[in-house]
Structure formats: structure tokens, C-alpha cells
Amino acid sequence: MNKERIGQKLTKLRGEETREDVARKIGVSVSAWQMYENGQRIPKDEIKVKIASYFNKSVGEIFYS
């Protein structure tokens, strides 16, 4: 699992939405979301599920492909 690649996917999925909006809707801090996008951190499993659900994707599509 490549942190940078995951970060790029998350940034692309976010699109025109602000980091603040996505973080709030998923239930994480803006700084946590920023670390995910910057490839500094990988979300815990329960957050992965929330992210996948929010973007209408599977966890595998975002984090394991």
C-alpha cells in the first residue's frame, strides 16, 4: 500500500470540494485529511470504510488497487 498513491487518489476523489468539507463529512480533522492526501498517514480501517462510503467506492478501489 503506497501512501503517496493513496494520497493522490484521495485528492482526485475530493475534486472541487474543500478539504474542510470532506473532513467534516467523513468525521476526521482537517489536519488528518491533509496528512492522508499528502501521503503522510494512512487512515485506520474504520475511517477507510467511511471514506469509501462517502465517495461511493469500495475500500479496495481506493486503498488496495
PDB file of N, CA and C in Angstrom:
ATOM      1  N   MET A   1       0.849  -1.170   0.000  1.00  0.00           N
ATOM      2  CA  MET A   1       0.000   0.000   0.000  1.00  0.00           C
ATOM      3  C   MET A   1       0.901   1.241   0.000  1.00  0.00           C
ATOM      4  N   ASN A   2       0.860   1.977  -1.060  1.00  0.00           N
ATOM      5  CA  ASN A   2       1.709   3.145  -1.233  1.00  0.00           C
ATOM      6  C   ASN A   2       0.988   4.400  -0.737  1.00  0.00           C
ATOM      7  N   LYS A   3       1.534   5.022   0.294  1.00  0.00           N
ATOM      8  CA  LYS A   3       0.877   6.199   0.897  1.00  0.00           C
ATOM      9  C   LYS A   3       0.699   7.334  -0.109  1.00  0.00           C
ATOM     10  N   GLU A   4       1.717   7.567  -0.926  1.00  0.00           N
ATOM     11  CA  GLU A   4       1.628   8.666  -1.895  1.00  0.00           C
ATOM     12  C   GLU A   4       0.540   8.406  -2.923  1.00  0.00           C
ATOM     13  N   ARG A   5       0.452   7.168  -3.389  1.00  0.00           N
ATOM     14  CA  ARG A   5      -0.569   6.818  -4.384  1.00  0.00           C
ATOM     15  C   ARG A   5      -1.972   6.967  -3.801  1.00  0.00           C
ATOM     16  N   ILE A   6      -2.133   6.533  -2.567  1.00  0.00           N
ATOM     17  CA  ILE A   6      -3.425   6.691  -1.891  1.00  0.00           C
ATOM     18  C   ILE A   6      -3.757   8.168  -1.761  1.00  0.00           C
ATOM     19  N   GLY A   7      -2.781   8.968  -1.383  1.00  0.00           N
ATOM     20  CA  GLY A   7      -2.985  10.409  -1.258  1.00  0.00           C
ATOM     21  C   GLY A   7      -3.434  11.033  -2.558  1.00  0.00           C
ATOM     22  N   GLN A   8      -2.831  10.612  -3.662  1.00  0.00           N
ATOM     23  CA  GLN A   8      -3.219  11.135  -4.972  1.00  0.00           C
ATOM     24  C   GLN A   8      -4.653  10.743  -5.309  1.00  0.00           C
ATOM     25  N   LYS A   9      -5.024   9.503  -4.985  1.00  0.00           N
ATOM     26  CA  LYS A   9      -6.404   9.056  -5.239  1.00  0.00           C
ATOM     27  C   LYS A   9      -7.402   9.879  -4.422  1.00  0.00           C
ATOM     28  N   LEU A  10      -7.075  10.113  -3.158  1.00  0.00           N
ATOM     29  CA  LEU A  10      -7.983  10.873  -2.300  1.00  0.00           C
ATOM     30  C   LEU A  10      -8.136  12.307  -2.797  1.00  0.00           C
ATOM     31  N   THR A  11      -7.038  12.898  -3.226  1.00  0.00           N
ATOM     32  CA  THR A  11      -7.093  14.263  -3.757  1.00  0.00           C
ATOM     33  C   THR A  11      -7.967  14.309  -5.003  1.00  0.00           C
ATOM     34  N   LYS A  12      -7.800  13.326  -5.870  1.00  0.00           N
ATOM     35  CA  LYS A  12      -8.597  13.269  -7.104  1.00  0.00           C
ATOM     36  C   LYS A  12     -10.075  13.057  -6.785  1.00  0.00           C
ATOM     37  N   LEU A  13     -10.365  12.169  -5.848  1.00  0.00           N
ATOM     38  CA  LEU A  13     -11.757  11.911  -5.469  1.00  0.00           C
ATOM     39  C   LEU A  13     -12.409  13.160  -4.871  1.00  0.00           C
ATOM     40  N   ARG A  14     -11.656  13.915  -4.104  1.00  0.00           N
ATOM     41  CA  ARG A  14     -12.192  15.123  -3.462  1.00  0.00           C
ATOM     42  C   ARG A  14     -12.609  16.150  -4.501  1.00  0.00           C
ATOM     43  N   GLY A  15     -11.869  16.212  -5.597  1.00  0.00           N
ATOM     44  CA  GLY A  15     -12.223  17.122  -6.683  1.00  0.00           C
ATOM     45  C   GLY A  15     -12.285  18.567  -6.247  1.00  0.00           C
ATOM     46  N   GLU A  16     -13.429  19.202  -6.488  1.00  0.00           N
ATOM     47  CA  GLU A  16     -13.609  20.627  -6.200  1.00  0.00           C
ATOM     48  C   GLU A  16     -14.029  20.902  -4.759  1.00  0.00           C
ATOM     49  N   GLU A  17     -14.348  19.858  -4.004  1.00  0.00           N
ATOM     50  CA  GLU A  17     -14.743  20.058  -2.603  1.00  0.00           C
ATOM     51  C   GLU A  17     -13.536  20.505  -1.789  1.00  0.00           C
ATOM     52  N   THR A  18     -13.787  21.268  -0.757  1.00  0.00           N
ATOM     53  CA  THR A  18     -12.676  21.684   0.097  1.00  0.00           C
ATOM     54  C   THR A  18     -12.287  20.546   1.037  1.00  0.00           C
ATOM     55  N   ARG A  19     -11.053  20.593   1.491  1.00  0.00           N
ATOM     56  CA  ARG A  19     -10.603  19.603   2.474  1.00  0.00           C
ATOM     57  C   ARG A  19     -11.457  19.682   3.726  1.00  0.00           C
ATOM     58  N   GLU A  20     -11.822  20.901   4.105  1.00  0.00           N
ATOM     59  CA  GLU A  20     -12.620  21.112   5.311  1.00  0.00           C
ATOM     60  C   GLU A  20     -13.970  20.400   5.210  1.00  0.00           C
ATOM     61  N   ASP A  21     -14.635  20.554   4.057  1.00  0.00           N
ATOM     62  CA  ASP A  21     -15.948  19.923   3.870  1.00  0.00           C
ATOM     63  C   ASP A  21     -15.850  18.405   3.920  1.00  0.00           C
ATOM     64  N   VAL A  22     -14.886  17.862   3.202  1.00  0.00           N
ATOM     65  CA  VAL A  22     -14.746  16.399   3.159  1.00  0.00           C
ATOM     66  C   VAL A  22     -14.394  15.867   4.549  1.00  0.00           C
ATOM     67  N   ALA A  23     -13.455  16.510   5.215  1.00  0.00           N
ATOM     68  CA  ALA A  23     -13.058  16.065   6.553  1.00  0.00           C
ATOM     69  C   ALA A  23     -14.249  16.069   7.504  1.00  0.00           C
ATOM     70  N   ARG A  24     -15.018  17.145   7.477  1.00  0.00           N
ATOM     71  CA  ARG A  24     -16.186  17.268   8.360  1.00  0.00           C
ATOM     72  C   ARG A  24     -17.206  16.175   8.055  1.00  0.00           C
ATOM     73  N   LYS A  25     -17.477  15.959   6.787  1.00  0.00           N
ATOM     74  CA  LYS A  25     -18.494  14.972   6.400  1.00  0.00           C
ATOM     75  C   LYS A  25     -18.068  13.544   6.729  1.00  0.00           C
ATOM     76  N   ILE A  26     -16.768  13.286   6.689  1.00  0.00           N
ATOM     77  CA  ILE A  26     -16.273  11.942   6.996  1.00  0.00           C
ATOM     78  C   ILE A  26     -16.077  11.762   8.500  1.00  0.00           C
ATOM     79  N   GLY A  27     -15.836  12.866   9.193  1.00  0.00           N
ATOM     80  CA  GLY A  27     -15.681  12.789  10.640  1.00  0.00           C
ATOM     81  C   GLY A  27     -14.230  12.725  11.093  1.00  0.00           C
ATOM     82  N   VAL A  28     -13.346  13.364  10.341  1.00  0.00           N
ATOM     83  CA  VAL A  28     -11.938  13.446  10.742  1.00  0.00           C
ATOM     84  C   VAL A  28     -11.535  14.915  10.793  1.00  0.00           C
ATOM     85  N   SER A  29     -10.400  15.185  11.415  1.00  0.00           N
ATOM     86  CA  SER A  29      -9.919  16.566  11.446  1.00  0.00           C
ATOM     87  C   SER A  29      -9.366  16.944  10.074  1.00  0.00           C
ATOM     88  N   VAL A  30      -9.327  18.223   9.816  1.00  0.00           N
ATOM     89  CA  VAL A  30      -8.767  18.708   8.556  1.00  0.00           C
ATOM     90  C   VAL A  30      -7.298  18.313   8.472  1.00  0.00           C
ATOM     91  N   SER A  31      -6.584  18.386   9.582  1.00  0.00           N
ATOM     92  CA  SER A  31      -5.165  18.029   9.556  1.00  0.00           C
ATOM     93  C   SER A  31      -4.979  16.545   9.244  1.00  0.00           C
ATOM     94  N   ALA A  32      -5.856  15.689   9.750  1.00  0.00           N
ATOM     95  CA  ALA A  32      -5.777  14.265   9.419  1.00  0.00           C
ATOM     96  C   ALA A  32      -6.023  14.058   7.923  1.00  0.00           C
ATOM     97  N   TRP A  33      -7.074  14.700   7.405  1.00  0.00           N
ATOM     98  CA  TRP A  33      -7.372  14.565   5.975  1.00  0.00           C
ATOM     99  C   TRP A  33      -6.189  15.053   5.138  1.00  0.00           C
ATOM    100  N   GLN A  34      -5.585  16.149   5.546  1.00  0.00           N
ATOM    101  CA  GLN A  34      -4.439  16.697   4.829  1.00  0.00           C
ATOM    102  C   GLN A  34      -3.279  15.699   4.836  1.00  0.00           C
ATOM    103  N   MET A  35      -3.048  15.037   5.958  1.00  0.00           N
ATOM    104  CA  MET A  35      -1.978  14.034   6.029  1.00  0.00           C
ATOM    105  C   MET A  35      -2.279  12.843   5.132  1.00  0.00           C
ATOM    106  N   TYR A  36      -3.544  12.454   5.035  1.00  0.00           N
ATOM    107  CA  TYR A  36      -3.904  11.365   4.123  1.00  0.00           C
ATOM    108  C   TYR A  36      -3.596  11.766   2.689  1.00  0.00           C
ATOM    109  N   GLU A  37      -4.006  12.970   2.304  1.00  0.00           N
ATOM    110  CA  GLU A  37      -3.784  13.431   0.930  1.00  0.00           C
ATOM    111  C   GLU A  37      -2.303  13.625   0.621  1.00  0.00           C
ATOM    112  N   ASN A  38      -1.539  14.044   1.614  1.00  0.00           N
ATOM    113  CA  ASN A  38      -0.114  14.292   1.400  1.00  0.00           C
ATOM    114  C   ASN A  38       0.732  13.025   1.503  1.00  0.00           C
ATOM    115  N   GLY A  39       0.083  11.902   1.777  1.00  0.00           N
ATOM    116  CA  GLY A  39       0.807  10.640   1.858  1.00  0.00           C
ATOM    117  C   GLY A  39       1.632  10.496   3.124  1.00  0.00           C
ATOM    118  N   GLN A  40       1.271  11.233   4.161  1.00  0.00           N
ATOM    119  CA  GLN A  40       1.999  11.157   5.424  1.00  0.00           C
ATOM    120  C   GLN A  40       1.395  10.126   6.374  1.00  0.00           C
ATOM    121  N   ARG A  41       0.147   9.764   6.117  1.00  0.00           N
ATOM    122  CA  ARG A  41      -0.573   8.865   7.009  1.00  0.00           C
ATOM    123  C   ARG A  41      -1.586   8.057   6.216  1.00  0.00           C
ATOM    124  N   ILE A  42      -1.849   6.846   6.674  1.00  0.00           N
ATOM    125  CA  ILE A  42      -2.905   6.019   6.087  1.00  0.00           C
ATOM    126  C   ILE A  42      -4.016   5.924   7.136  1.00  0.00           C
ATOM    127  N   PRO A  43      -5.263   6.132   6.721  1.00  0.00           N
ATOM    128  CA  PRO A  43      -6.359   6.097   7.700  1.00  0.00           C
ATOM    129  C   PRO A  43      -6.531   4.722   8.345  1.00  0.00           C
ATOM    130  N   LYS A  44      -7.056   4.728   9.565  1.00  0.00           N
ATOM    131  CA  LYS A  44      -7.423   3.478  10.226  1.00  0.00           C
ATOM    132  C   LYS A  44      -8.556   2.836   9.446  1.00  0.00           C
ATOM    133  N   ASP A  45      -8.753   1.541   9.675  1.00  0.00           N
ATOM    134  CA  ASP A  45      -9.745   0.791   8.899  1.00  0.00           C
ATOM    135  C   ASP A  45     -11.147   1.393   8.963  1.00  0.00           C
ATOM    136  N   GLU A  46     -11.580   1.839  10.146  1.00  0.00           N
ATOM    137  CA  GLU A  46     -12.945   2.383  10.232  1.00  0.00           C
ATOM    138  C   GLU A  46     -13.074   3.675   9.438  1.00  0.00           C
ATOM    139  N   ILE A  47     -12.001   4.438   9.343  1.00  0.00           N
ATOM    140  CA  ILE A  47     -12.020   5.666   8.540  1.00  0.00           C
ATOM    141  C   ILE A  47     -11.981   5.318   7.055  1.00  0.00           C
ATOM    142  N   LYS A  48     -11.253   4.276   6.697  1.00  0.00           N
ATOM    143  CA  LYS A  48     -11.240   3.822   5.296  1.00  0.00           C
ATOM    144  C   LYS A  48     -12.659   3.503   4.825  1.00  0.00           C
ATOM    145  N   VAL A  49     -13.419   2.842   5.687  1.00  0.00           N
ATOM    146  CA  VAL A  49     -14.797   2.480   5.344  1.00  0.00           C
ATOM    147  C   VAL A  49     -15.640   3.740   5.152  1.00  0.00           C
ATOM    148  N   LYS A  50     -15.481   4.725   6.025  1.00  0.00           N
ATOM    149  CA  LYS A  50     -16.237   5.979   5.898  1.00  0.00           C
ATOM    150  C   LYS A  50     -15.857   6.720   4.615  1.00  0.00           C
ATOM    151  N   ILE A  51     -14.564   6.743   4.298  1.00  0.00           N
ATOM    152  CA  ILE A  51     -14.101   7.422   3.079  1.00  0.00           C
ATOM    153  C   ILE A  51     -14.678   6.731   1.854  1.00  0.00           C
ATOM    154  N   ALA A  52     -14.592   5.407   1.815  1.00  0.00           N
ATOM    155  CA  ALA A  52     -15.108   4.660   0.672  1.00  0.00           C
ATOM    156  C   ALA A  52     -16.604   4.882   0.502  1.00  0.00           C
ATOM    157  N   SER A  53     -17.332   4.852   1.597  1.00  0.00           N
ATOM    158  CA  SER A  53     -18.777   5.078   1.549  1.00  0.00           C
ATOM    159  C   SER A  53     -19.089   6.483   1.048  1.00  0.00           C
ATOM    160  N   TYR A  54     -18.373   7.468   1.556  1.00  0.00           N
ATOM    161  CA  TYR A  54     -18.605   8.853   1.157  1.00  0.00           C
ATOM    162  C   TYR A  54     -18.419   9.049  -0.344  1.00  0.00           C
ATOM    163  N   PHE A  55     -17.379   8.431  -0.895  1.00  0.00           N
ATOM    164  CA  PHE A  55     -17.094   8.597  -2.319  1.00  0.00           C
ATOM    165  C   PHE A  55     -17.760   7.522  -3.183  1.00  0.00           C
ATOM    166  N   ASN A  56     -18.583   6.671  -2.560  1.00  0.00           N
ATOM    167  CA  ASN A  56     -19.312   5.627  -3.276  1.00  0.00           C
ATOM    168  C   ASN A  56     -18.362   4.681  -4.008  1.00  0.00           C
ATOM    169  N   LYS A  57     -17.307   4.303  -3.321  1.00  0.00           N
ATOM    170  CA  LYS A  57     -16.311   3.370  -3.855  1.00  0.00           C
ATOM    171  C   LYS A  57     -16.116   2.249  -2.843  1.00  0.00           C
ATOM    172  N   SER A  58     -15.417   1.201  -3.254  1.00  0.00           N
ATOM    173  CA  SER A  58     -15.073   0.163  -2.288  1.00  0.00           C
ATOM    174  C   SER A  58     -13.744   0.532  -1.637  1.00  0.00           C
ATOM    175  N   VAL A  59     -13.517  -0.015  -0.453  1.00  0.00           N
ATOM    176  CA  VAL A  59     -12.245   0.213   0.226  1.00  0.00           C
ATOM    177  C   VAL A  59     -11.102  -0.271  -0.664  1.00  0.00           C
ATOM    178  N   GLY A  60     -11.303  -1.402  -1.326  1.00  0.00           N
ATOM    179  CA  GLY A  60     -10.277  -1.943  -2.206  1.00  0.00           C
ATOM    180  C   GLY A  60      -9.923  -1.028  -3.361  1.00  0.00           C
ATOM    181  N   GLU A  61     -10.921  -0.394  -3.948  1.00  0.00           N
ATOM    182  CA  GLU A  61     -10.666   0.513  -5.069  1.00  0.00           C
ATOM    183  C   GLU A  61      -9.760   1.664  -4.669  1.00  0.00           C
ATOM    184  N   ILE A  62      -9.973   2.191  -3.482  1.00  0.00           N
ATOM    185  CA  ILE A  62      -9.217   3.357  -3.042  1.00  0.00           C
ATOM    186  C   ILE A  62      -7.863   2.967  -2.442  1.00  0.00           C
ATOM    187  N   PHE A  63      -7.865   1.960  -1.598  1.00  0.00           N
ATOM    188  CA  PHE A  63      -6.672   1.692  -0.797  1.00  0.00           C
ATOM    189  C   PHE A  63      -5.835   0.495  -1.247  1.00  0.00           C
ATOM    190  N   TYR A  64      -6.365  -0.369  -2.091  1.00  0.00           N
ATOM    191  CA  TYR A  64      -5.616  -1.580  -2.426  1.00  0.00           C
ATOM    192  C   TYR A  64      -5.444  -1.832  -3.916  1.00  0.00           C
ATOM    193  N   SER A  65      -5.767  -0.866  -4.750  1.00  0.00           N
ATOM    194  CA  SER A  65      -5.593  -1.111  -6.191  1.00  0.00           C
ATOM    195  C   SER A  65      -4.592  -0.147  -6.787  1.00  0.00           C
TER     196      SER A  65
END
